[in-house]
Amino acid sequence: MLALAGGSDVLMTATTADLLEGSNLRVEPAGTHELKGLAGARAIFRASPAA
């Protein structure tokens, strides 16, 4: 996942995004990607401070 992130990006899978529901972070889709060591493509999300 490190290769997908920019310098200040915080990326996560859907499991972590679900756990952040209701937090003070905005979680936005960042596409579907193959991740090393996991079978199949996974939805990736980007976190940023809530506006």
C-alpha atoms as a PDB file:
ATOM      1  CA  MET A   1       0.000   0.000   0.000  1.00  0.00           C
ATOM      2  CA  LEU A   2       2.978   2.272   0.522  1.00  0.00           C
ATOM      3  CA  ALA A   3       3.540   2.447  -3.238  1.00  0.00           C
ATOM      4  CA  LEU A   4      -0.001   3.845  -3.684  1.00  0.00           C
ATOM      5  CA  ALA A   5       0.352   6.644  -1.135  1.00  0.00           C
ATOM      6  CA  GLY A   6       1.648  10.127  -1.735  1.00  0.00           C
ATOM      7  CA  GLY A   7       3.867  11.916   0.761  1.00  0.00           C
ATOM      8  CA  SER A   8       1.073  12.902   3.145  1.00  0.00           C
ATOM      9  CA  ASP A   9      -1.582  10.290   2.278  1.00  0.00           C
ATOM     10  CA  VAL A  10      -3.103   7.995   4.864  1.00  0.00           C
ATOM     11  CA  LEU A  11      -4.486   4.936   3.062  1.00  0.00           C
ATOM     12  CA  MET A  12      -6.431   2.026   4.506  1.00  0.00           C
ATOM     13  CA  THR A  13      -8.552  -0.967   3.573  1.00  0.00           C
ATOM     14  CA  ALA A  14     -12.322  -1.128   4.028  1.00  0.00           C
ATOM     15  CA  THR A  15     -11.967  -2.829   7.424  1.00  0.00           C
ATOM     16  CA  THR A  16     -10.144   0.157   8.903  1.00  0.00           C
ATOM     17  CA  ALA A  17     -12.422   2.612   7.090  1.00  0.00           C
ATOM     18  CA  ASP A  18     -15.438   0.900   8.703  1.00  0.00           C
ATOM     19  CA  LEU A  19     -13.852   1.236  12.146  1.00  0.00           C
ATOM     20  CA  LEU A  20     -13.386   4.986  11.605  1.00  0.00           C
ATOM     21  CA  GLU A  21     -17.070   5.590  10.925  1.00  0.00           C
ATOM     22  CA  GLY A  22     -18.287   8.392  13.175  1.00  0.00           C
ATOM     23  CA  SER A  23     -14.762   9.726  13.811  1.00  0.00           C
ATOM     24  CA  ASN A  24     -13.528  13.215  13.019  1.00  0.00           C
ATOM     25  CA  LEU A  25     -11.902  11.935   9.807  1.00  0.00           C
ATOM     26  CA  ARG A  26     -13.298  12.041   6.293  1.00  0.00           C
ATOM     27  CA  VAL A  27     -12.765   8.716   4.498  1.00  0.00           C
ATOM     28  CA  GLU A  28     -12.945   8.752   0.696  1.00  0.00           C
ATOM     29  CA  PRO A  29     -12.572   5.963  -1.882  1.00  0.00           C
ATOM     30  CA  ALA A  30      -9.113   5.762  -3.490  1.00  0.00           C
ATOM     31  CA  GLY A  31      -9.822   2.972  -5.968  1.00  0.00           C
ATOM     32  CA  THR A  32      -9.487  -0.793  -6.071  1.00  0.00           C
ATOM     33  CA  HIS A  33      -6.006  -2.286  -6.040  1.00  0.00           C
ATOM     34  CA  GLU A  34      -4.180  -5.602  -5.772  1.00  0.00           C
ATOM     35  CA  LEU A  35      -2.234  -5.743  -2.501  1.00  0.00           C
ATOM     36  CA  LYS A  36       0.882  -7.837  -1.970  1.00  0.00           C
ATOM     37  CA  GLY A  37       0.152 -11.031  -0.053  1.00  0.00           C
ATOM     38  CA  LEU A  38      -3.652 -10.820  -0.422  1.00  0.00           C
ATOM     39  CA  ALA A  39      -5.766 -12.611  -3.003  1.00  0.00           C
ATOM     40  CA  GLY A  40      -7.962 -10.413  -5.169  1.00  0.00           C
ATOM     41  CA  ALA A  41      -8.373  -6.665  -5.510  1.00  0.00           C
ATOM     42  CA  ARG A  42      -9.268  -4.637  -2.427  1.00  0.00           C
ATOM     43  CA  ALA A  43     -11.060  -1.316  -2.028  1.00  0.00           C
ATOM     44  CA  ILE A  44      -8.641   1.315  -0.722  1.00  0.00           C
ATOM     45  CA  PHE A  45      -9.664   4.468   1.111  1.00  0.00           C
ATOM     46  CA  ARG A  46      -7.921   7.768   1.886  1.00  0.00           C
ATOM     47  CA  ALA A  47      -8.369   9.560   5.221  1.00  0.00           C
ATOM     48  CA  SER A  48      -8.254  13.312   5.726  1.00  0.00           C
ATOM     49  CA  PRO A  49      -9.404  15.695   8.470  1.00  0.00           C
ATOM     50  CA  ALA A  50     -13.144  16.400   8.415  1.00  0.00           C
ATOM     51  CA  ALA A  51     -13.977  19.847   7.088  1.00  0.00           C
END
